[in-house]
């Protein structure tokens, strides 16, 4: 039961983040650093979600519908994790080199007075680059059907549709998983407090979390 309680708490954390993100995505998005931070947060949260899904696969035999929901967006989720790993969780040297090649403006912007608009362009162009590097061995884009230029309306709309899709797909999965875990836990048992839990709480020994 404790394992399922831990899982349910993770579901609540991920779902609350993604639900808030979904609301923000539905609102008009200005071209500024707040937009960039929202996008980065999407990739961080989806990456955490992808890692979490790996720990849920033992449920798929009993609940195959859960697996079907995930598989519908599996490729798009993996793309999100790629972007997180190359640009957000880390900033890869190869990415910056390729960004300067793709967007030589990045060099010349260094001579301009720094402001939020310039910061936005740096982030936008490097985001473009990491999107465009997601190719197979033949150089074919794995998700989109052409190079991405986020200044071009068609491409930014295509990218935003992708964001809507992964966020809403993850929420759908988490909603279904919540219902499953709720049944497995038997929530009625949690309506009565067990004093032993508070006795254990008083003896908590905190240790550095290494993994």
N, C-alpha and C. Protein backbone atom coordinates (compact mmCIF):
# COMPACT_ATOMS: atom_id res chain seq x y z
N UNK A 1 0.83 -1.22 0.00
CA UNK A 1 0.00 0.00 0.00
C UNK A 1 0.86 1.26 0.00
N UNK A 2 1.96 1.26 0.80
CA UNK A 2 2.81 2.45 0.87
C UNK A 2 3.38 2.82 -0.50
N UNK A 3 3.75 1.79 -1.29
CA UNK A 3 4.29 2.06 -2.63
C UNK A 3 3.24 2.76 -3.49
N UNK A 4 2.00 2.33 -3.40
CA UNK A 4 0.94 2.96 -4.19
C UNK A 4 0.65 4.38 -3.69
N UNK A 5 0.78 4.61 -2.39
CA UNK A 5 0.62 5.96 -1.85
C UNK A 5 1.71 6.88 -2.39
N UNK A 6 2.95 6.38 -2.43
CA UNK A 6 4.05 7.16 -2.99
C UNK A 6 3.78 7.50 -4.45
N UNK A 7 3.30 6.51 -5.19
CA UNK A 7 2.98 6.72 -6.60
C UNK A 7 1.89 7.77 -6.77
N UNK A 8 0.88 7.68 -5.94
CA UNK A 8 -0.25 8.62 -6.05
C UNK A 8 0.20 10.05 -5.75
N UNK A 9 1.09 10.22 -4.79
CA UNK A 9 1.61 11.56 -4.49
C UNK A 9 2.40 12.10 -5.68
N UNK A 10 3.18 11.24 -6.34
CA UNK A 10 3.90 11.67 -7.54
C UNK A 10 2.93 12.09 -8.65
N UNK A 11 1.84 11.32 -8.78
CA UNK A 11 0.82 11.67 -9.78
C UNK A 11 0.26 13.06 -9.50
N UNK A 12 -0.04 13.33 -8.23
CA UNK A 12 -0.62 14.63 -7.86
C UNK A 12 0.36 15.76 -8.18
N UNK A 13 1.65 15.56 -7.88
CA UNK A 13 2.65 16.59 -8.15
C UNK A 13 2.77 16.87 -9.64
N UNK A 14 2.88 15.81 -10.43
CA UNK A 14 3.03 15.99 -11.87
C UNK A 14 1.76 16.58 -12.49
N UNK A 15 0.62 16.08 -12.07
CA UNK A 15 -0.64 16.54 -12.65
C UNK A 15 -0.90 18.00 -12.31
N UNK A 16 -0.58 18.42 -11.09
CA UNK A 16 -0.81 19.82 -10.71
C UNK A 16 0.06 20.75 -11.54
N UNK A 17 1.31 20.35 -11.78
CA UNK A 17 2.20 21.15 -12.64
C UNK A 17 1.64 21.23 -14.05
N UNK A 18 1.29 20.08 -14.61
CA UNK A 18 0.85 20.04 -16.00
C UNK A 18 -0.50 20.72 -16.21
N UNK A 19 -1.38 20.63 -15.23
CA UNK A 19 -2.68 21.31 -15.33
C UNK A 19 -2.48 22.82 -15.34
N UNK A 20 -1.58 23.31 -14.49
CA UNK A 20 -1.29 24.75 -14.48
C UNK A 20 -0.64 25.19 -15.78
N UNK A 21 0.28 24.37 -16.28
CA UNK A 21 0.94 24.66 -17.56
C UNK A 21 -0.09 24.71 -18.68
N UNK A 22 -1.02 23.76 -18.68
CA UNK A 22 -2.04 23.71 -19.72
C UNK A 22 -2.88 25.00 -19.73
N UNK A 23 -3.22 25.48 -18.55
CA UNK A 23 -3.98 26.74 -18.46
C UNK A 23 -3.17 27.90 -19.04
N UNK A 24 -1.89 27.94 -18.74
CA UNK A 24 -1.04 29.02 -19.26
C UNK A 24 -0.90 28.93 -20.78
N UNK A 25 -0.83 27.71 -21.30
CA UNK A 25 -0.72 27.54 -22.75
C UNK A 25 -1.98 28.01 -23.47
N UNK A 26 -3.12 27.90 -22.81
CA UNK A 26 -4.38 28.31 -23.43
C UNK A 26 -4.53 29.83 -23.46
N UNK A 27 -3.71 30.53 -22.69
CA UNK A 27 -3.75 31.99 -22.67
C UNK A 27 -2.82 32.54 -23.74
N UNK A 28 -3.06 33.77 -24.21
CA UNK A 28 -2.14 34.38 -25.19
C UNK A 28 -0.72 34.40 -24.64
N UNK A 29 0.23 33.96 -25.46
CA UNK A 29 1.62 33.88 -25.03
C UNK A 29 2.42 34.99 -25.67
N UNK A 30 2.97 35.87 -24.84
CA UNK A 30 3.78 36.97 -25.34
C UNK A 30 5.18 36.46 -25.73
N UNK A 31 5.82 37.19 -26.61
CA UNK A 31 7.17 36.83 -27.03
C UNK A 31 8.17 37.46 -26.06
N UNK A 32 8.35 36.84 -24.92
CA UNK A 32 9.29 37.36 -23.93
C UNK A 32 9.87 36.20 -23.14
N UNK A 33 10.68 36.51 -22.13
CA UNK A 33 11.35 35.48 -21.37
C UNK A 33 10.38 34.63 -20.54
N UNK A 34 9.21 35.17 -20.20
CA UNK A 34 8.23 34.36 -19.49
C UNK A 34 7.77 33.19 -20.37
N UNK A 35 7.64 33.45 -21.65
CA UNK A 35 7.28 32.39 -22.59
C UNK A 35 8.37 31.33 -22.62
N UNK A 36 9.63 31.76 -22.66
CA UNK A 36 10.75 30.83 -22.68
C UNK A 36 10.77 29.98 -21.41
N UNK A 37 10.55 30.62 -20.28
CA UNK A 37 10.55 29.88 -19.01
C UNK A 37 9.41 28.87 -18.96
N UNK A 38 8.26 29.24 -19.50
CA UNK A 38 7.13 28.30 -19.56
C UNK A 38 7.51 27.09 -20.41
N UNK A 39 8.10 27.34 -21.56
CA UNK A 39 8.49 26.24 -22.45
C UNK A 39 9.52 25.33 -21.78
N UNK A 40 10.50 25.93 -21.13
CA UNK A 40 11.51 25.13 -20.43
C UNK A 40 10.87 24.29 -19.33
N UNK A 41 9.92 24.87 -18.62
CA UNK A 41 9.25 24.15 -17.55
C UNK A 41 8.44 22.97 -18.10
N UNK A 42 7.86 23.16 -19.28
CA UNK A 42 7.14 22.06 -19.92
C UNK A 42 8.08 20.87 -20.14
N UNK A 43 9.26 21.14 -20.68
CA UNK A 43 10.18 20.04 -20.99
C UNK A 43 10.73 19.39 -19.72
N UNK A 44 10.97 20.17 -18.69
CA UNK A 44 11.41 19.60 -17.42
C UNK A 44 10.34 18.69 -16.83
N UNK A 45 9.09 19.16 -16.84
CA UNK A 45 8.00 18.39 -16.24
C UNK A 45 7.69 17.14 -17.05
N UNK A 46 7.67 17.27 -18.36
CA UNK A 46 7.42 16.10 -19.21
C UNK A 46 8.54 15.08 -19.05
N UNK A 47 9.76 15.54 -18.93
CA UNK A 47 10.88 14.61 -18.71
C UNK A 47 10.72 13.85 -17.40
N UNK A 48 10.30 14.54 -16.35
CA UNK A 48 10.03 13.87 -15.08
C UNK A 48 8.89 12.87 -15.23
N UNK A 49 7.89 13.26 -16.00
CA UNK A 49 6.76 12.36 -16.27
C UNK A 49 7.21 11.10 -17.00
N UNK A 50 8.08 11.26 -17.99
CA UNK A 50 8.58 10.11 -18.76
C UNK A 50 9.34 9.14 -17.84
N UNK A 51 10.17 9.69 -16.96
CA UNK A 51 10.90 8.84 -16.01
C UNK A 51 9.92 8.11 -15.08
N UNK A 52 8.89 8.81 -14.66
CA UNK A 52 7.89 8.22 -13.77
C UNK A 52 7.14 7.09 -14.46
N UNK A 53 6.81 7.29 -15.74
CA UNK A 53 6.06 6.26 -16.48
C UNK A 53 6.81 4.94 -16.50
N UNK A 54 8.13 4.97 -16.56
CA UNK A 54 8.92 3.73 -16.57
C UNK A 54 8.64 2.88 -15.33
N UNK A 55 8.36 3.53 -14.22
CA UNK A 55 8.12 2.80 -12.97
C UNK A 55 6.69 2.29 -12.87
N UNK A 56 5.85 2.65 -13.82
CA UNK A 56 4.44 2.25 -13.79
C UNK A 56 4.14 1.08 -14.71
N UNK A 57 5.11 0.59 -15.44
CA UNK A 57 4.84 -0.40 -16.50
C UNK A 57 4.39 -1.75 -15.95
N UNK A 58 4.66 -2.00 -14.68
CA UNK A 58 4.18 -3.24 -14.08
C UNK A 58 2.65 -3.30 -14.02
N UNK A 59 2.01 -2.14 -14.18
CA UNK A 59 0.54 -2.08 -14.14
C UNK A 59 -0.10 -2.38 -15.49
N UNK A 60 0.70 -2.37 -16.56
CA UNK A 60 0.13 -2.41 -17.90
C UNK A 60 -0.58 -3.73 -18.23
N UNK A 61 -0.10 -4.83 -17.69
CA UNK A 61 -0.76 -6.10 -17.99
C UNK A 61 -2.18 -6.12 -17.42
N UNK A 62 -2.33 -5.56 -16.23
CA UNK A 62 -3.65 -5.51 -15.59
C UNK A 62 -4.51 -4.38 -16.15
N UNK A 63 -3.85 -3.29 -16.55
CA UNK A 63 -4.58 -2.11 -17.04
C UNK A 63 -4.02 -1.70 -18.42
N UNK A 64 -4.32 -2.45 -19.48
CA UNK A 64 -3.74 -2.19 -20.81
C UNK A 64 -4.11 -0.82 -21.38
N UNK A 65 -5.25 -0.27 -20.97
CA UNK A 65 -5.66 1.04 -21.49
C UNK A 65 -4.66 2.11 -21.11
N UNK A 66 -4.04 1.95 -19.95
CA UNK A 66 -3.02 2.91 -19.49
C UNK A 66 -1.84 2.92 -20.45
N UNK A 67 -1.43 1.74 -20.86
CA UNK A 67 -0.32 1.62 -21.82
C UNK A 67 -0.69 2.25 -23.17
N UNK A 68 -1.92 2.04 -23.61
CA UNK A 68 -2.36 2.59 -24.90
C UNK A 68 -2.31 4.12 -24.89
N UNK A 69 -2.72 4.71 -23.79
CA UNK A 69 -2.71 6.18 -23.68
C UNK A 69 -1.28 6.69 -23.83
N UNK A 70 -0.34 6.03 -23.16
CA UNK A 70 1.05 6.49 -23.23
C UNK A 70 1.64 6.32 -24.63
N UNK A 71 1.37 5.16 -25.23
CA UNK A 71 1.98 4.85 -26.53
C UNK A 71 1.55 5.84 -27.62
N UNK A 72 0.37 6.42 -27.48
CA UNK A 72 -0.10 7.37 -28.49
C UNK A 72 0.81 8.58 -28.61
N UNK A 73 1.54 8.88 -27.53
CA UNK A 73 2.40 10.07 -27.54
C UNK A 73 3.86 9.73 -27.21
N UNK A 74 4.20 8.45 -27.25
CA UNK A 74 5.53 8.02 -26.83
C UNK A 74 6.65 8.75 -27.57
N UNK A 75 6.56 8.81 -28.90
CA UNK A 75 7.61 9.46 -29.69
C UNK A 75 7.75 10.94 -29.33
N UNK A 76 6.61 11.59 -29.13
CA UNK A 76 6.63 13.02 -28.78
C UNK A 76 7.21 13.23 -27.38
N UNK A 77 6.92 12.31 -26.46
CA UNK A 77 7.50 12.40 -25.12
C UNK A 77 9.02 12.24 -25.17
N UNK A 78 9.50 11.32 -25.99
CA UNK A 78 10.94 11.10 -26.09
C UNK A 78 11.64 12.33 -26.67
N UNK A 79 10.97 13.00 -27.59
CA UNK A 79 11.49 14.25 -28.16
C UNK A 79 11.63 15.30 -27.06
N UNK A 80 10.62 15.39 -26.20
CA UNK A 80 10.67 16.35 -25.10
C UNK A 80 11.84 16.06 -24.17
N UNK A 81 12.07 14.79 -23.90
CA UNK A 81 13.18 14.44 -23.01
C UNK A 81 14.52 14.77 -23.67
N UNK A 82 14.61 14.58 -24.97
CA UNK A 82 15.82 14.95 -25.71
C UNK A 82 16.11 16.44 -25.55
N UNK A 83 15.09 17.27 -25.74
CA UNK A 83 15.27 18.72 -25.62
C UNK A 83 15.69 19.09 -24.21
N UNK A 84 15.07 18.45 -23.22
CA UNK A 84 15.44 18.71 -21.83
C UNK A 84 16.90 18.37 -21.58
N UNK A 85 17.36 17.23 -22.09
CA UNK A 85 18.72 16.77 -21.81
C UNK A 85 19.79 17.58 -22.53
N UNK A 86 19.48 18.10 -23.71
CA UNK A 86 20.49 18.80 -24.50
C UNK A 86 20.51 20.31 -24.27
N UNK A 87 19.38 20.87 -23.81
CA UNK A 87 19.29 22.33 -23.73
C UNK A 87 18.92 22.86 -22.35
N UNK A 88 18.14 22.11 -21.59
CA UNK A 88 17.57 22.67 -20.37
C UNK A 88 18.22 22.09 -19.11
N UNK A 89 18.21 20.75 -19.01
CA UNK A 89 18.89 20.13 -17.87
C UNK A 89 20.39 20.34 -17.95
N UNK A 90 20.91 20.39 -19.17
CA UNK A 90 22.31 20.68 -19.47
C UNK A 90 22.32 21.60 -20.68
N UNK A 91 23.43 22.29 -20.88
CA UNK A 91 23.58 23.08 -22.10
C UNK A 91 24.81 22.52 -22.82
N UNK A 92 24.57 21.70 -23.83
CA UNK A 92 25.64 21.00 -24.51
C UNK A 92 26.47 21.94 -25.40
N UNK A 93 27.79 21.76 -25.33
CA UNK A 93 28.70 22.58 -26.14
C UNK A 93 28.40 22.41 -27.63
N UNK A 94 28.12 21.15 -28.04
CA UNK A 94 27.82 20.89 -29.45
C UNK A 94 26.57 21.65 -29.91
N UNK A 95 25.63 21.82 -29.00
CA UNK A 95 24.40 22.54 -29.33
C UNK A 95 24.71 24.01 -29.61
N UNK A 96 25.52 24.63 -28.76
CA UNK A 96 25.86 26.04 -28.96
C UNK A 96 26.62 26.22 -30.27
N UNK A 97 27.55 25.31 -30.55
CA UNK A 97 28.30 25.39 -31.81
C UNK A 97 27.37 25.30 -33.02
N UNK A 98 26.43 24.37 -32.97
CA UNK A 98 25.51 24.21 -34.09
C UNK A 98 24.56 25.41 -34.19
N UNK A 99 24.17 25.97 -33.04
CA UNK A 99 23.29 27.14 -33.03
C UNK A 99 23.96 28.33 -33.71
N UNK A 100 25.25 28.54 -33.45
CA UNK A 100 25.98 29.65 -34.08
C UNK A 100 26.06 29.44 -35.59
N UNK A 101 26.23 28.18 -36.00
CA UNK A 101 26.25 27.87 -37.44
C UNK A 101 24.89 28.13 -38.08
N UNK A 102 23.82 27.67 -37.40
CA UNK A 102 22.45 27.81 -37.91
C UNK A 102 21.98 29.26 -37.87
N UNK A 103 22.34 29.95 -36.80
CA UNK A 103 21.89 31.33 -36.59
C UNK A 103 23.10 32.23 -36.32
N UNK A 104 23.81 32.65 -37.39
CA UNK A 104 24.98 33.50 -37.18
C UNK A 104 24.66 34.81 -36.45
N UNK A 105 23.37 35.17 -36.42
CA UNK A 105 22.97 36.36 -35.67
C UNK A 105 23.43 36.29 -34.21
N UNK A 106 23.57 35.07 -33.70
CA UNK A 106 23.97 34.91 -32.30
C UNK A 106 25.31 35.58 -32.01
N UNK A 107 26.21 35.54 -32.96
CA UNK A 107 27.51 36.21 -32.77
C UNK A 107 27.34 37.72 -32.73
N UNK A 108 26.57 38.23 -33.66
CA UNK A 108 26.46 39.68 -33.82
C UNK A 108 25.58 40.33 -32.75
N UNK A 109 24.71 39.53 -32.16
CA UNK A 109 23.90 40.05 -31.05
C UNK A 109 24.75 40.37 -29.83
N UNK A 110 25.94 39.77 -29.75
CA UNK A 110 26.83 40.02 -28.62
C UNK A 110 27.24 41.49 -28.54
N UNK A 111 27.23 42.18 -29.68
CA UNK A 111 27.64 43.58 -29.70
C UNK A 111 26.51 44.53 -29.35
N UNK A 112 25.30 44.00 -29.21
CA UNK A 112 24.14 44.83 -28.91
C UNK A 112 23.99 45.03 -27.41
N UNK A 113 23.29 46.12 -27.06
CA UNK A 113 22.97 46.34 -25.65
C UNK A 113 22.08 45.20 -25.16
N UNK A 114 22.44 44.67 -24.01
CA UNK A 114 21.69 43.51 -23.49
C UNK A 114 20.36 43.96 -22.91
N UNK A 115 19.30 43.28 -23.30
CA UNK A 115 17.98 43.51 -22.73
C UNK A 115 17.18 42.23 -22.87
N UNK A 116 15.95 42.24 -22.38
CA UNK A 116 15.15 41.01 -22.38
C UNK A 116 14.85 40.52 -23.79
N UNK A 117 14.72 41.43 -24.74
CA UNK A 117 14.44 41.03 -26.12
C UNK A 117 15.62 40.25 -26.70
N UNK A 118 16.83 40.69 -26.39
CA UNK A 118 18.03 39.99 -26.86
C UNK A 118 18.11 38.61 -26.19
N UNK A 119 17.85 38.56 -24.89
CA UNK A 119 17.87 37.29 -24.17
C UNK A 119 16.86 36.31 -24.77
N UNK A 120 15.70 36.85 -25.13
CA UNK A 120 14.66 36.02 -25.74
C UNK A 120 15.15 35.41 -27.05
N UNK A 121 15.82 36.22 -27.88
CA UNK A 121 16.30 35.73 -29.16
C UNK A 121 17.36 34.66 -28.99
N UNK A 122 18.26 34.82 -28.02
CA UNK A 122 19.25 33.77 -27.76
C UNK A 122 18.56 32.45 -27.44
N UNK A 123 17.61 32.51 -26.55
CA UNK A 123 16.91 31.29 -26.16
C UNK A 123 16.10 30.71 -27.32
N UNK A 124 15.45 31.57 -28.08
CA UNK A 124 14.62 31.12 -29.19
C UNK A 124 15.47 30.39 -30.24
N UNK A 125 16.60 31.00 -30.60
CA UNK A 125 17.44 30.42 -31.65
C UNK A 125 18.09 29.11 -31.20
N UNK A 126 18.44 29.02 -29.94
CA UNK A 126 19.04 27.77 -29.46
C UNK A 126 17.97 26.70 -29.32
N UNK A 127 16.75 27.09 -28.93
CA UNK A 127 15.63 26.14 -28.91
C UNK A 127 15.38 25.61 -30.32
N UNK A 128 15.37 26.48 -31.30
CA UNK A 128 15.23 26.07 -32.70
C UNK A 128 16.27 25.02 -33.07
N UNK A 129 17.49 25.29 -32.66
CA UNK A 129 18.60 24.42 -33.03
C UNK A 129 18.43 23.03 -32.44
N UNK A 130 18.09 22.96 -31.15
CA UNK A 130 17.94 21.64 -30.54
C UNK A 130 16.78 20.89 -31.17
N UNK A 131 15.72 21.58 -31.55
CA UNK A 131 14.61 20.94 -32.27
C UNK A 131 15.12 20.34 -33.58
N UNK A 132 15.93 21.12 -34.31
CA UNK A 132 16.39 20.69 -35.62
C UNK A 132 17.43 19.58 -35.57
N UNK A 133 18.06 19.37 -34.41
CA UNK A 133 19.06 18.30 -34.30
C UNK A 133 18.43 16.94 -34.00
N UNK A 134 17.13 16.90 -33.78
CA UNK A 134 16.46 15.62 -33.47
C UNK A 134 16.17 14.90 -34.79
N UNK A 135 17.22 14.29 -35.33
CA UNK A 135 17.15 13.65 -36.63
C UNK A 135 17.67 12.21 -36.53
N UNK A 136 17.32 11.40 -37.54
CA UNK A 136 17.82 10.02 -37.58
C UNK A 136 19.20 9.99 -38.25
N UNK A 137 19.71 8.79 -38.49
CA UNK A 137 21.06 8.65 -39.06
C UNK A 137 21.16 9.21 -40.47
N UNK A 138 20.02 9.35 -41.13
CA UNK A 138 20.02 9.90 -42.49
C UNK A 138 19.75 11.40 -42.50
N UNK A 139 19.66 12.01 -41.30
CA UNK A 139 19.42 13.44 -41.21
C UNK A 139 17.96 13.82 -41.36
N UNK A 140 17.07 12.85 -41.32
CA UNK A 140 15.63 13.13 -41.45
C UNK A 140 15.05 13.46 -40.09
N UNK A 141 14.24 14.53 -40.04
CA UNK A 141 13.62 14.92 -38.77
C UNK A 141 12.69 13.83 -38.26
N UNK A 142 12.79 13.53 -36.96
CA UNK A 142 12.01 12.43 -36.38
C UNK A 142 10.57 12.84 -36.07
N UNK A 143 10.34 14.10 -35.77
CA UNK A 143 9.00 14.55 -35.37
C UNK A 143 8.38 15.46 -36.42
N UNK A 144 9.04 16.57 -36.73
CA UNK A 144 8.51 17.50 -37.72
C UNK A 144 9.00 17.12 -39.12
N UNK A 145 8.33 17.66 -40.13
CA UNK A 145 8.65 17.25 -41.50
C UNK A 145 9.59 18.22 -42.22
N UNK A 146 10.14 19.18 -41.47
CA UNK A 146 11.06 20.14 -42.07
C UNK A 146 11.85 20.83 -40.97
N UNK A 147 12.88 21.61 -41.37
CA UNK A 147 13.59 22.43 -40.39
C UNK A 147 12.60 23.36 -39.70
N UNK A 148 12.91 23.70 -38.46
CA UNK A 148 12.04 24.60 -37.68
C UNK A 148 12.68 25.98 -37.57
N UNK A 149 11.91 26.99 -37.95
CA UNK A 149 12.29 28.39 -37.81
C UNK A 149 11.19 29.05 -36.98
N UNK A 150 11.48 29.28 -35.71
CA UNK A 150 10.44 29.73 -34.78
C UNK A 150 10.04 31.20 -34.96
N UNK A 151 10.66 31.88 -35.91
CA UNK A 151 10.20 33.22 -36.28
C UNK A 151 9.09 33.12 -37.32
N UNK A 152 9.04 32.01 -38.00
CA UNK A 152 8.06 31.76 -39.07
C UNK A 152 6.74 31.29 -38.44
N UNK A 153 5.62 31.99 -38.69
CA UNK A 153 4.34 31.65 -38.03
C UNK A 153 3.94 30.18 -38.14
N UNK A 154 4.10 29.59 -39.32
CA UNK A 154 3.72 28.19 -39.49
C UNK A 154 4.48 27.29 -38.50
N UNK A 155 5.77 27.57 -38.36
CA UNK A 155 6.61 26.70 -37.52
C UNK A 155 6.34 26.91 -36.03
N UNK A 156 6.11 28.14 -35.62
CA UNK A 156 5.82 28.37 -34.19
C UNK A 156 4.47 27.76 -33.85
N UNK A 157 3.50 27.84 -34.75
CA UNK A 157 2.19 27.22 -34.51
C UNK A 157 2.30 25.70 -34.45
N UNK A 158 3.11 25.14 -35.31
CA UNK A 158 3.34 23.69 -35.30
C UNK A 158 3.99 23.26 -33.98
N UNK A 159 4.93 24.06 -33.51
CA UNK A 159 5.60 23.76 -32.25
C UNK A 159 4.64 23.88 -31.07
N UNK A 160 3.81 24.92 -31.07
CA UNK A 160 2.84 25.10 -29.98
C UNK A 160 1.82 23.96 -29.96
N UNK A 161 1.40 23.50 -31.14
CA UNK A 161 0.48 22.36 -31.20
C UNK A 161 1.13 21.12 -30.61
N UNK A 162 2.42 20.96 -30.85
CA UNK A 162 3.16 19.85 -30.25
C UNK A 162 3.15 19.96 -28.73
N UNK A 163 3.38 21.16 -28.20
CA UNK A 163 3.36 21.36 -26.75
C UNK A 163 1.99 21.04 -26.17
N UNK A 164 0.93 21.53 -26.82
CA UNK A 164 -0.42 21.22 -26.34
C UNK A 164 -0.62 19.70 -26.27
N UNK A 165 -0.16 19.03 -27.30
CA UNK A 165 -0.38 17.58 -27.40
C UNK A 165 0.32 16.83 -26.27
N UNK A 166 1.58 17.13 -26.02
CA UNK A 166 2.29 16.36 -24.99
C UNK A 166 1.76 16.67 -23.60
N UNK A 167 1.42 17.92 -23.35
CA UNK A 167 0.90 18.28 -22.02
C UNK A 167 -0.44 17.60 -21.79
N UNK A 168 -1.34 17.68 -22.76
CA UNK A 168 -2.67 17.09 -22.58
C UNK A 168 -2.63 15.57 -22.57
N UNK A 169 -1.70 14.98 -23.32
CA UNK A 169 -1.56 13.52 -23.31
C UNK A 169 -1.06 13.03 -21.96
N UNK A 170 -0.12 13.76 -21.39
CA UNK A 170 0.40 13.39 -20.07
C UNK A 170 -0.70 13.52 -19.01
N UNK A 171 -1.49 14.57 -19.09
CA UNK A 171 -2.59 14.75 -18.14
C UNK A 171 -3.59 13.61 -18.27
N UNK A 172 -3.91 13.20 -19.49
CA UNK A 172 -4.83 12.08 -19.70
C UNK A 172 -4.31 10.81 -19.04
N UNK A 173 -3.03 10.53 -19.22
CA UNK A 173 -2.41 9.35 -18.61
C UNK A 173 -2.50 9.43 -17.08
N UNK A 174 -2.16 10.58 -16.53
CA UNK A 174 -2.15 10.75 -15.07
C UNK A 174 -3.55 10.66 -14.49
N UNK A 175 -4.54 11.17 -15.20
CA UNK A 175 -5.94 11.05 -14.73
C UNK A 175 -6.35 9.58 -14.63
N UNK A 176 -5.98 8.80 -15.65
CA UNK A 176 -6.32 7.38 -15.65
C UNK A 176 -5.55 6.65 -14.54
N UNK A 177 -4.28 6.99 -14.39
CA UNK A 177 -3.47 6.35 -13.35
C UNK A 177 -3.98 6.70 -11.96
N UNK A 178 -4.43 7.93 -11.78
CA UNK A 178 -4.99 8.35 -10.49
C UNK A 178 -6.17 7.44 -10.10
N UNK A 179 -7.06 7.19 -11.06
CA UNK A 179 -8.23 6.35 -10.77
C UNK A 179 -7.82 4.94 -10.39
N UNK A 180 -6.80 4.42 -11.06
CA UNK A 180 -6.32 3.07 -10.77
C UNK A 180 -5.72 2.99 -9.36
N UNK A 181 -4.87 3.94 -9.03
CA UNK A 181 -4.21 3.93 -7.73
C UNK A 181 -5.20 4.19 -6.60
N UNK A 182 -6.18 5.01 -6.87
CA UNK A 182 -7.21 5.30 -5.87
C UNK A 182 -7.92 4.02 -5.44
N UNK A 183 -8.19 3.15 -6.41
CA UNK A 183 -8.85 1.87 -6.12
C UNK A 183 -7.89 0.94 -5.37
N UNK A 184 -6.63 0.89 -5.81
CA UNK A 184 -5.67 -0.02 -5.19
C UNK A 184 -5.37 0.36 -3.74
N UNK A 185 -5.42 1.64 -3.45
CA UNK A 185 -5.09 2.09 -2.10
C UNK A 185 -6.23 1.86 -1.12
N UNK A 186 -7.47 1.93 -1.61
CA UNK A 186 -8.66 1.88 -0.75
C UNK A 186 -8.65 3.11 0.16
N UNK A 187 -9.09 4.23 -0.40
CA UNK A 187 -8.99 5.53 0.27
C UNK A 187 -9.73 5.59 1.60
N UNK A 188 -10.75 4.74 1.77
CA UNK A 188 -11.51 4.79 3.02
C UNK A 188 -10.65 4.46 4.23
N UNK A 189 -9.61 3.64 4.01
CA UNK A 189 -8.73 3.28 5.12
C UNK A 189 -7.92 4.49 5.60
N UNK A 190 -7.81 5.49 4.75
CA UNK A 190 -7.03 6.68 5.11
C UNK A 190 -7.87 7.73 5.83
N UNK A 191 -9.14 7.47 5.98
CA UNK A 191 -10.00 8.43 6.66
C UNK A 191 -9.82 8.42 8.17
N UNK A 192 -9.23 7.34 8.71
CA UNK A 192 -8.99 7.22 10.15
C UNK A 192 -7.50 7.36 10.43
N UNK A 193 -7.12 8.31 11.28
CA UNK A 193 -5.72 8.54 11.59
C UNK A 193 -5.15 7.38 12.42
N UNK A 194 -3.91 7.03 12.14
CA UNK A 194 -3.19 6.02 12.93
C UNK A 194 -2.10 6.74 13.71
N UNK A 195 -2.22 6.76 15.03
CA UNK A 195 -1.27 7.49 15.87
C UNK A 195 0.15 7.02 15.68
N UNK A 196 0.33 5.76 15.22
CA UNK A 196 1.67 5.23 14.99
C UNK A 196 2.42 6.02 13.93
N UNK A 197 1.68 6.55 12.98
CA UNK A 197 2.33 7.35 11.94
C UNK A 197 3.00 8.59 12.53
N UNK A 198 2.37 9.22 13.50
CA UNK A 198 2.93 10.42 14.12
C UNK A 198 4.07 10.07 15.07
N UNK A 199 4.01 8.91 15.67
CA UNK A 199 5.12 8.46 16.52
C UNK A 199 6.37 8.24 15.66
N UNK A 200 6.17 7.60 14.50
CA UNK A 200 7.29 7.40 13.56
C UNK A 200 7.81 8.74 13.05
N UNK A 201 6.89 9.69 12.81
CA UNK A 201 7.30 11.00 12.30
C UNK A 201 8.26 11.68 13.28
N UNK A 202 7.99 11.53 14.58
CA UNK A 202 8.86 12.14 15.58
C UNK A 202 10.24 11.54 15.63
N UNK A 203 10.41 10.34 15.07
CA UNK A 203 11.71 9.66 15.07
C UNK A 203 12.41 9.76 13.72
N UNK A 204 11.89 10.60 12.83
CA UNK A 204 12.47 10.72 11.48
C UNK A 204 13.94 11.11 11.55
N UNK A 205 14.76 10.36 10.81
CA UNK A 205 16.20 10.62 10.72
C UNK A 205 16.50 11.04 9.28
N UNK A 206 16.71 12.33 9.06
CA UNK A 206 16.95 12.82 7.70
C UNK A 206 18.37 12.50 7.25
N UNK A 207 18.47 12.06 5.99
CA UNK A 207 19.77 11.75 5.40
C UNK A 207 19.85 12.37 4.00
N UNK A 208 21.05 12.63 3.55
CA UNK A 208 21.27 13.21 2.23
C UNK A 208 20.77 12.22 1.17
N UNK A 209 19.98 12.70 0.21
CA UNK A 209 19.44 11.85 -0.85
C UNK A 209 20.45 11.82 -1.99
N UNK A 210 21.03 10.65 -2.26
CA UNK A 210 22.14 10.55 -3.19
C UNK A 210 21.73 10.22 -4.62
N UNK A 211 20.57 9.64 -4.83
CA UNK A 211 20.17 9.26 -6.19
C UNK A 211 19.10 10.18 -6.71
